[in-house]
């Protein structure tokens, strides 16, 4: 009867297996956000708009139609973003504004929580955000997929 020999795992094989596992499960690039719309101060001091897409699925569901940046009577930064649903059914997402000062530091990091955003089929909706104080000079609006909930009536 032959004895089975156990081979020791080579370090490179273990590392390759871990990397392949991470790629297969999507852990390489976390998708905590779907789309991020924001502004940043350019070299000349003007606001430059940018749109980043972390989750292509969210970008297929929603489209940014218009962005309006202005000020309230008190001099606070106000942002209005018009979103449109590309779907013919209800889509549930979450949104949150983050505000930054002129140096790029976050203003009141714990100030804004994720808010539910329910878009009916082909609906257009405007999301508005007002900065928490006058130090805010730029913003970022994050939109991510929301959780589907089912109401149970008893």
N, C-alpha and C. Protein backbone atom coordinates (compact mmCIF):
# COMPACT_ATOMS: atom_id res chain seq x y z
N UNK A 1 0.84 -1.17 0.00
CA UNK A 1 0.00 0.00 0.00
C UNK A 1 0.89 1.24 0.00
N UNK A 2 0.58 2.17 -0.91
CA UNK A 2 1.38 3.37 -1.03
C UNK A 2 0.89 4.42 -0.05
N UNK A 3 1.84 5.14 0.51
CA UNK A 3 1.50 6.25 1.40
C UNK A 3 1.35 7.51 0.58
N UNK A 4 0.34 8.32 0.92
CA UNK A 4 0.15 9.60 0.24
C UNK A 4 1.08 10.63 0.82
N UNK A 5 1.70 11.35 -0.05
CA UNK A 5 2.56 12.44 0.42
C UNK A 5 1.79 13.75 0.34
N UNK A 6 1.90 14.54 1.39
CA UNK A 6 1.25 15.85 1.42
C UNK A 6 2.26 16.89 0.94
N UNK A 7 1.80 17.70 -0.01
CA UNK A 7 2.67 18.76 -0.50
C UNK A 7 2.37 20.04 0.24
N UNK A 8 3.41 20.74 0.57
CA UNK A 8 3.23 22.03 1.23
C UNK A 8 2.81 23.07 0.19
N UNK A 9 1.90 23.96 0.59
CA UNK A 9 1.48 25.03 -0.32
C UNK A 9 2.62 26.01 -0.50
N UNK A 10 2.81 26.40 -1.71
CA UNK A 10 3.81 27.42 -1.99
C UNK A 10 3.20 28.78 -1.73
N UNK A 11 3.96 29.73 -1.19
CA UNK A 11 3.42 31.06 -0.88
C UNK A 11 2.81 31.76 -2.08
N UNK A 12 3.40 31.63 -3.26
CA UNK A 12 2.85 32.31 -4.43
C UNK A 12 1.51 31.72 -4.84
N UNK A 13 1.32 30.42 -4.61
CA UNK A 13 0.05 29.79 -4.96
C UNK A 13 -1.06 30.26 -4.03
N UNK A 14 -0.73 30.42 -2.76
CA UNK A 14 -1.71 30.91 -1.79
C UNK A 14 -2.10 32.35 -2.14
N UNK A 15 -1.11 33.19 -2.46
CA UNK A 15 -1.37 34.58 -2.81
C UNK A 15 -2.23 34.66 -4.07
N UNK A 16 -1.94 33.84 -5.06
CA UNK A 16 -2.73 33.83 -6.30
C UNK A 16 -4.17 33.42 -6.02
N UNK A 17 -4.36 32.43 -5.15
CA UNK A 17 -5.71 31.99 -4.81
C UNK A 17 -6.49 33.08 -4.10
N UNK A 18 -5.84 33.81 -3.22
CA UNK A 18 -6.50 34.91 -2.51
C UNK A 18 -6.90 36.01 -3.48
N UNK A 19 -6.00 36.39 -4.37
CA UNK A 19 -6.30 37.45 -5.35
C UNK A 19 -7.44 37.02 -6.26
N UNK A 20 -7.41 35.79 -6.76
CA UNK A 20 -8.50 35.30 -7.61
C UNK A 20 -9.82 35.29 -6.86
N UNK A 21 -9.78 34.92 -5.60
CA UNK A 21 -11.00 34.93 -4.79
C UNK A 21 -11.55 36.34 -4.61
N UNK A 22 -10.65 37.31 -4.40
CA UNK A 22 -11.08 38.69 -4.24
C UNK A 22 -11.68 39.24 -5.53
N UNK A 23 -11.07 38.92 -6.65
CA UNK A 23 -11.59 39.38 -7.94
C UNK A 23 -12.95 38.75 -8.20
N UNK A 24 -13.08 37.47 -7.91
CA UNK A 24 -14.34 36.78 -8.16
C UNK A 24 -15.48 37.32 -7.31
N UNK A 25 -15.19 37.74 -6.09
CA UNK A 25 -16.24 38.24 -5.21
C UNK A 25 -16.40 39.74 -5.28
N UNK A 26 -15.58 40.41 -6.04
CA UNK A 26 -15.73 41.85 -6.19
C UNK A 26 -15.12 42.65 -5.06
N UNK A 27 -14.23 42.09 -4.30
CA UNK A 27 -13.65 42.79 -3.15
C UNK A 27 -12.52 43.72 -3.53
N UNK A 28 -12.06 43.69 -4.76
CA UNK A 28 -10.95 44.52 -5.15
C UNK A 28 -11.35 45.99 -5.16
N UNK A 29 -12.54 46.30 -5.67
CA UNK A 29 -13.01 47.67 -5.72
C UNK A 29 -14.38 47.74 -5.05
N UNK A 30 -14.45 48.19 -3.81
CA UNK A 30 -15.74 48.22 -3.12
C UNK A 30 -16.68 49.20 -3.80
N UNK A 31 -17.95 48.86 -3.81
CA UNK A 31 -18.94 49.69 -4.46
C UNK A 31 -19.89 50.26 -3.42
N UNK A 32 -19.36 51.03 -2.49
CA UNK A 32 -20.20 51.63 -1.47
C UNK A 32 -20.98 52.81 -2.02
N UNK A 33 -20.50 53.37 -3.10
CA UNK A 33 -21.19 54.46 -3.74
C UNK A 33 -21.47 54.05 -5.17
N UNK A 34 -22.49 54.63 -5.73
CA UNK A 34 -22.79 54.34 -7.11
C UNK A 34 -22.28 55.43 -8.02
N UNK A 35 -22.73 56.66 -7.74
CA UNK A 35 -22.30 57.83 -8.49
C UNK A 35 -21.93 58.91 -7.49
N UNK A 36 -20.94 59.67 -7.82
CA UNK A 36 -20.54 60.80 -6.99
C UNK A 36 -20.47 62.02 -7.89
N UNK A 37 -21.29 63.00 -7.58
CA UNK A 37 -21.31 64.26 -8.32
C UNK A 37 -20.77 65.31 -7.38
N UNK A 38 -19.86 66.14 -7.85
CA UNK A 38 -19.32 67.14 -6.95
C UNK A 38 -18.63 68.26 -7.67
N UNK A 39 -18.13 69.17 -6.87
CA UNK A 39 -17.35 70.29 -7.39
C UNK A 39 -16.06 70.39 -6.62
N UNK A 40 -15.10 70.99 -7.25
CA UNK A 40 -13.82 71.27 -6.60
C UNK A 40 -13.33 72.60 -7.15
N UNK A 41 -12.56 73.29 -6.37
CA UNK A 41 -12.02 74.57 -6.82
C UNK A 41 -10.90 74.34 -7.82
N UNK A 42 -11.00 75.02 -8.96
CA UNK A 42 -9.97 74.92 -9.98
C UNK A 42 -8.80 75.82 -9.64
N UNK A 43 -7.78 75.82 -10.48
CA UNK A 43 -6.58 76.62 -10.23
C UNK A 43 -6.90 78.11 -10.25
N UNK A 44 -7.91 78.50 -11.03
CA UNK A 44 -8.28 79.91 -11.11
C UNK A 44 -9.31 80.31 -10.05
N UNK A 45 -9.69 79.38 -9.18
CA UNK A 45 -10.63 79.67 -8.10
C UNK A 45 -12.07 79.39 -8.46
N UNK A 46 -12.35 78.99 -9.70
CA UNK A 46 -13.72 78.67 -10.11
C UNK A 46 -14.06 77.23 -9.72
N UNK A 47 -15.35 76.96 -9.62
CA UNK A 47 -15.79 75.61 -9.30
C UNK A 47 -15.81 74.76 -10.57
N UNK A 48 -15.24 73.58 -10.49
CA UNK A 48 -15.21 72.64 -11.59
C UNK A 48 -16.07 71.43 -11.21
N UNK A 49 -17.06 71.11 -12.03
CA UNK A 49 -17.93 69.97 -11.74
C UNK A 49 -17.29 68.68 -12.23
N UNK A 50 -17.57 67.59 -11.52
CA UNK A 50 -17.08 66.27 -11.95
C UNK A 50 -18.08 65.21 -11.52
N UNK A 51 -18.14 64.12 -12.29
CA UNK A 51 -19.02 63.00 -12.02
C UNK A 51 -18.17 61.74 -12.05
N UNK A 52 -18.18 60.99 -10.94
CA UNK A 52 -17.46 59.72 -10.85
C UNK A 52 -18.49 58.60 -10.73
N UNK A 53 -18.27 57.51 -11.42
CA UNK A 53 -19.17 56.36 -11.37
C UNK A 53 -18.39 55.17 -10.81
N UNK A 54 -18.80 54.71 -9.63
CA UNK A 54 -18.18 53.54 -9.01
C UNK A 54 -18.96 52.27 -9.33
N UNK A 55 -20.26 52.44 -9.58
CA UNK A 55 -21.13 51.30 -9.82
C UNK A 55 -21.88 51.56 -11.12
N UNK A 56 -21.48 50.93 -12.22
CA UNK A 56 -22.13 51.18 -13.51
C UNK A 56 -23.63 50.88 -13.51
N UNK A 57 -24.06 49.99 -12.63
CA UNK A 57 -25.49 49.67 -12.55
C UNK A 57 -26.30 50.90 -12.14
N UNK A 58 -25.80 51.66 -11.16
CA UNK A 58 -26.50 52.87 -10.73
C UNK A 58 -26.52 53.89 -11.87
N UNK A 59 -25.44 54.00 -12.60
CA UNK A 59 -25.37 54.94 -13.72
C UNK A 59 -26.34 54.57 -14.83
N UNK A 60 -26.65 53.28 -14.97
CA UNK A 60 -27.64 52.86 -15.97
C UNK A 60 -29.05 53.17 -15.51
N UNK A 61 -29.27 53.22 -14.20
CA UNK A 61 -30.62 53.45 -13.66
C UNK A 61 -30.98 54.94 -13.59
N UNK A 62 -30.00 55.76 -13.21
CA UNK A 62 -30.25 57.19 -13.00
C UNK A 62 -29.31 58.03 -13.86
N UNK A 63 -29.80 59.19 -14.28
CA UNK A 63 -28.98 60.10 -15.06
C UNK A 63 -29.10 61.50 -14.44
N UNK A 64 -27.98 62.21 -14.37
CA UNK A 64 -27.97 63.58 -13.87
C UNK A 64 -28.31 64.49 -15.04
N UNK A 65 -29.45 65.18 -14.95
CA UNK A 65 -29.88 66.06 -16.04
C UNK A 65 -29.38 67.49 -15.89
N UNK A 66 -29.31 67.97 -14.65
CA UNK A 66 -28.94 69.37 -14.45
C UNK A 66 -28.39 69.56 -13.04
N UNK A 67 -27.45 70.47 -12.90
CA UNK A 67 -26.89 70.83 -11.60
C UNK A 67 -26.89 72.35 -11.51
N UNK A 68 -27.45 72.87 -10.44
CA UNK A 68 -27.46 74.32 -10.22
C UNK A 68 -26.83 74.60 -8.85
N UNK A 69 -25.78 75.40 -8.84
CA UNK A 69 -25.11 75.78 -7.61
C UNK A 69 -25.32 77.26 -7.39
N UNK A 70 -25.81 77.61 -6.21
CA UNK A 70 -26.05 79.01 -5.87
C UNK A 70 -25.87 79.24 -4.39
N UNK A 71 -26.47 80.32 -3.89
CA UNK A 71 -26.38 80.65 -2.48
C UNK A 71 -27.75 81.00 -1.94
N UNK A 72 -27.93 80.75 -0.65
CA UNK A 72 -29.15 81.18 0.02
C UNK A 72 -29.02 82.66 0.37
N UNK A 73 -30.07 83.24 0.93
CA UNK A 73 -30.02 84.65 1.35
C UNK A 73 -28.96 84.87 2.44
N UNK A 74 -28.69 83.84 3.21
CA UNK A 74 -27.71 83.93 4.29
C UNK A 74 -26.28 83.69 3.81
N UNK A 75 -26.09 83.43 2.52
CA UNK A 75 -24.75 83.20 1.98
C UNK A 75 -24.27 81.77 2.07
N UNK A 76 -25.18 80.83 2.35
CA UNK A 76 -24.80 79.41 2.39
C UNK A 76 -24.87 78.81 1.00
N UNK A 77 -23.98 77.87 0.73
CA UNK A 77 -23.95 77.18 -0.55
C UNK A 77 -25.21 76.32 -0.69
N UNK A 78 -25.92 76.45 -1.82
CA UNK A 78 -27.12 75.65 -2.09
C UNK A 78 -26.93 74.94 -3.42
N UNK A 79 -27.27 73.65 -3.44
CA UNK A 79 -27.10 72.83 -4.64
C UNK A 79 -28.43 72.17 -4.97
N UNK A 80 -28.80 72.24 -6.25
CA UNK A 80 -29.98 71.54 -6.75
C UNK A 80 -29.53 70.62 -7.88
N UNK A 81 -29.85 69.34 -7.75
CA UNK A 81 -29.47 68.35 -8.75
C UNK A 81 -30.74 67.68 -9.26
N UNK A 82 -30.94 67.73 -10.58
CA UNK A 82 -32.12 67.08 -11.17
C UNK A 82 -31.70 65.71 -11.69
N UNK A 83 -32.35 64.67 -11.16
CA UNK A 83 -32.09 63.29 -11.55
C UNK A 83 -33.28 62.74 -12.31
N UNK A 84 -33.03 61.87 -13.25
CA UNK A 84 -34.10 61.20 -13.98
C UNK A 84 -33.86 59.70 -13.94
N UNK A 85 -34.95 58.96 -13.77
CA UNK A 85 -34.89 57.50 -13.78
C UNK A 85 -35.00 57.01 -15.22
N UNK A 86 -34.15 56.08 -15.58
CA UNK A 86 -34.21 55.48 -16.91
C UNK A 86 -35.10 54.25 -16.94
N UNK A 87 -35.55 53.83 -15.77
CA UNK A 87 -36.34 52.59 -15.67
C UNK A 87 -37.82 52.86 -15.82
N UNK A 88 -38.56 51.82 -16.15
CA UNK A 88 -40.01 51.93 -16.21
C UNK A 88 -40.65 51.38 -14.92
N UNK A 89 -39.81 51.03 -13.98
CA UNK A 89 -40.30 50.53 -12.68
C UNK A 89 -39.68 51.37 -11.56
N UNK A 90 -40.11 51.12 -10.34
CA UNK A 90 -39.61 51.86 -9.18
C UNK A 90 -38.16 51.46 -8.90
N UNK A 91 -37.35 52.46 -8.59
CA UNK A 91 -35.94 52.22 -8.25
C UNK A 91 -35.66 52.88 -6.92
N UNK A 92 -35.07 52.13 -6.00
CA UNK A 92 -34.76 52.63 -4.66
C UNK A 92 -33.27 52.87 -4.53
N UNK A 93 -32.92 54.07 -4.11
CA UNK A 93 -31.52 54.44 -3.92
C UNK A 93 -31.40 55.24 -2.63
N UNK A 94 -30.20 55.66 -2.31
CA UNK A 94 -29.93 56.52 -1.16
C UNK A 94 -29.00 57.63 -1.61
N UNK A 95 -29.15 58.80 -1.00
CA UNK A 95 -28.29 59.93 -1.36
C UNK A 95 -27.80 60.65 -0.11
N UNK A 96 -26.69 61.36 -0.28
CA UNK A 96 -26.13 62.11 0.85
C UNK A 96 -25.20 63.20 0.31
N UNK A 97 -25.28 64.40 0.90
CA UNK A 97 -24.39 65.50 0.56
C UNK A 97 -23.24 65.53 1.55
N UNK A 98 -22.06 65.85 1.04
CA UNK A 98 -20.88 66.10 1.86
C UNK A 98 -20.36 67.46 1.45
N UNK A 99 -19.95 68.27 2.43
CA UNK A 99 -19.53 69.65 2.17
C UNK A 99 -18.05 69.82 2.52
N UNK A 100 -17.35 70.66 1.74
CA UNK A 100 -15.92 70.87 1.93
C UNK A 100 -15.61 72.36 1.97
N UNK A 101 -14.59 72.74 2.75
CA UNK A 101 -14.17 74.15 2.81
C UNK A 101 -13.21 74.44 1.66
N UNK A 102 -12.66 75.64 1.62
CA UNK A 102 -11.78 76.06 0.52
C UNK A 102 -10.50 75.24 0.44
N UNK A 103 -10.08 74.66 1.56
CA UNK A 103 -8.86 73.84 1.59
C UNK A 103 -9.13 72.38 1.26
N UNK A 104 -10.39 72.03 1.04
CA UNK A 104 -10.74 70.65 0.71
C UNK A 104 -11.03 69.78 1.91
N UNK A 105 -11.10 70.38 3.10
CA UNK A 105 -11.40 69.61 4.31
C UNK A 105 -12.91 69.52 4.49
N UNK A 106 -13.37 68.37 4.98
CA UNK A 106 -14.79 68.15 5.15
C UNK A 106 -15.35 69.02 6.27
N UNK A 107 -16.49 69.65 5.99
CA UNK A 107 -17.18 70.50 6.97
C UNK A 107 -18.25 69.64 7.64
N UNK A 108 -18.21 69.54 8.96
CA UNK A 108 -19.15 68.74 9.74
C UNK A 108 -19.31 67.33 9.17
N UNK A 109 -18.29 66.49 9.35
CA UNK A 109 -18.28 65.15 8.76
C UNK A 109 -19.48 64.26 9.14
N UNK A 110 -20.03 64.44 10.31
CA UNK A 110 -21.15 63.61 10.73
C UNK A 110 -22.49 64.30 10.53
N UNK A 111 -22.52 65.34 9.71
CA UNK A 111 -23.71 66.17 9.58
C UNK A 111 -24.84 65.59 8.76
N UNK A 112 -24.56 64.91 7.67
CA UNK A 112 -25.62 64.46 6.78
C UNK A 112 -25.63 62.94 6.70
N UNK A 113 -26.80 62.37 6.96
CA UNK A 113 -26.96 60.91 6.91
C UNK A 113 -27.48 60.52 5.52
N UNK A 114 -27.41 59.24 5.22
CA UNK A 114 -27.97 58.74 3.97
C UNK A 114 -29.49 58.90 4.01
N UNK A 115 -30.05 59.40 2.91
CA UNK A 115 -31.50 59.59 2.80
C UNK A 115 -32.05 58.67 1.72
N UNK A 116 -33.25 58.18 1.96
CA UNK A 116 -33.90 57.33 0.98
C UNK A 116 -34.30 58.15 -0.25
N UNK A 117 -34.13 57.56 -1.41
CA UNK A 117 -34.49 58.19 -2.67
C UNK A 117 -35.24 57.15 -3.50
N UNK A 118 -36.57 57.29 -3.55
CA UNK A 118 -37.39 56.35 -4.29
C UNK A 118 -37.86 57.04 -5.57
N UNK A 119 -37.44 56.49 -6.70
CA UNK A 119 -37.78 57.06 -8.00
C UNK A 119 -38.77 56.12 -8.69
N UNK A 120 -39.93 56.66 -9.07
CA UNK A 120 -40.90 55.88 -9.83
C UNK A 120 -40.41 55.79 -11.27
N UNK A 121 -41.03 54.92 -12.04
CA UNK A 121 -40.62 54.72 -13.43
C UNK A 121 -40.61 56.01 -14.24
N UNK A 122 -39.47 56.30 -14.87
CA UNK A 122 -39.27 57.47 -15.74
C UNK A 122 -39.50 58.80 -15.02
N UNK A 123 -39.43 58.81 -13.70
CA UNK A 123 -39.64 60.03 -12.92
C UNK A 123 -38.40 60.92 -12.95
N UNK A 124 -38.64 62.23 -12.90
CA UNK A 124 -37.57 63.22 -12.75
C UNK A 124 -37.77 63.89 -11.40
N UNK A 125 -36.71 63.99 -10.63
CA UNK A 125 -36.79 64.57 -9.28
C UNK A 125 -35.59 65.47 -9.03
N UNK A 126 -35.82 66.53 -8.25
CA UNK A 126 -34.75 67.44 -7.88
C UNK A 126 -34.38 67.20 -6.43
N UNK A 127 -33.09 67.01 -6.19
CA UNK A 127 -32.56 66.85 -4.83
C UNK A 127 -31.88 68.16 -4.48
N UNK A 128 -32.17 68.68 -3.30
CA UNK A 128 -31.56 69.95 -2.89
C UNK A 128 -30.77 69.75 -1.60
N UNK A 129 -29.65 70.42 -1.54
CA UNK A 129 -28.82 70.40 -0.34
C UNK A 129 -28.35 71.80 -0.02
N UNK A 130 -28.32 72.12 1.27
CA UNK A 130 -27.83 73.42 1.74
C UNK A 130 -26.69 73.16 2.71
N UNK A 131 -25.59 73.86 2.52
CA UNK A 131 -24.41 73.68 3.37
C UNK A 131 -24.75 73.99 4.83
N UNK A 132 -24.11 73.30 5.76
CA UNK A 132 -24.40 73.51 7.17
C UNK A 132 -23.90 74.85 7.71
N UNK A 133 -22.87 75.42 7.07
CA UNK A 133 -22.37 76.73 7.51
C UNK A 133 -21.66 77.43 6.35
N UNK A 134 -21.24 78.66 6.58
CA UNK A 134 -20.68 79.50 5.52
C UNK A 134 -19.27 79.07 5.09
N UNK A 135 -18.61 78.19 5.83
CA UNK A 135 -17.27 77.73 5.43
C UNK A 135 -17.29 76.83 4.22
N UNK A 136 -18.43 76.21 3.93
CA UNK A 136 -18.53 75.27 2.80
C UNK A 136 -18.35 76.00 1.48
N UNK A 137 -17.40 75.51 0.67
CA UNK A 137 -17.10 76.12 -0.62
C UNK A 137 -17.35 75.17 -1.79
N UNK A 138 -17.45 73.86 -1.51
CA UNK A 138 -17.71 72.87 -2.54
C UNK A 138 -18.49 71.71 -1.93
N UNK A 139 -18.95 70.82 -2.78
CA UNK A 139 -19.80 69.73 -2.29
C UNK A 139 -19.51 68.44 -3.04
N UNK A 140 -20.08 67.36 -2.51
CA UNK A 140 -20.10 66.06 -3.18
C UNK A 140 -21.45 65.42 -2.86
N UNK A 141 -22.16 64.98 -3.87
CA UNK A 141 -23.41 64.25 -3.71
C UNK A 141 -23.13 62.81 -4.08
N UNK A 142 -23.37 61.91 -3.13
CA UNK A 142 -23.17 60.48 -3.37
C UNK A 142 -24.53 59.83 -3.53
N UNK A 143 -24.63 58.94 -4.49
CA UNK A 143 -25.86 58.18 -4.70
C UNK A 143 -25.48 56.71 -4.78
N UNK A 144 -26.13 55.89 -3.99
CA UNK A 144 -25.85 54.45 -4.00
C UNK A 144 -27.16 53.69 -4.05
N UNK A 145 -27.07 52.42 -4.37
CA UNK A 145 -28.26 51.59 -4.40
C UNK A 145 -28.85 51.47 -3.01
N UNK A 146 -30.16 51.49 -2.94
CA UNK A 146 -30.85 51.35 -1.66
C UNK A 146 -31.29 49.92 -1.45
N UNK A 147 -31.77 49.67 -0.27
CA UNK A 147 -32.25 48.33 0.05
C UNK A 147 -33.71 48.23 -0.33
N UNK A 148 -34.06 47.13 -0.94
CA UNK A 148 -35.46 46.88 -1.24
C UNK A 148 -36.15 46.39 0.02
N UNK A 149 -37.27 46.98 0.32
CA UNK A 149 -38.01 46.54 1.51
C UNK A 149 -39.39 46.11 1.08
N UNK A 150 -39.92 45.17 1.78
CA UNK A 150 -41.28 44.69 1.53
C UNK A 150 -42.07 44.88 2.81
N UNK A 151 -43.22 45.48 2.64
CA UNK A 151 -44.09 45.70 3.78
C UNK A 151 -44.91 44.45 4.03
N UNK A 152 -44.94 44.03 5.26
CA UNK A 152 -45.73 42.86 5.63
C UNK A 152 -46.93 43.36 6.42
N UNK A 153 -48.12 43.12 5.91
CA UNK A 153 -49.35 43.56 6.56
C UNK A 153 -50.00 42.34 7.18
N UNK A 154 -50.26 42.43 8.46
CA UNK A 154 -50.89 41.31 9.17
C UNK A 154 -52.22 41.74 9.72
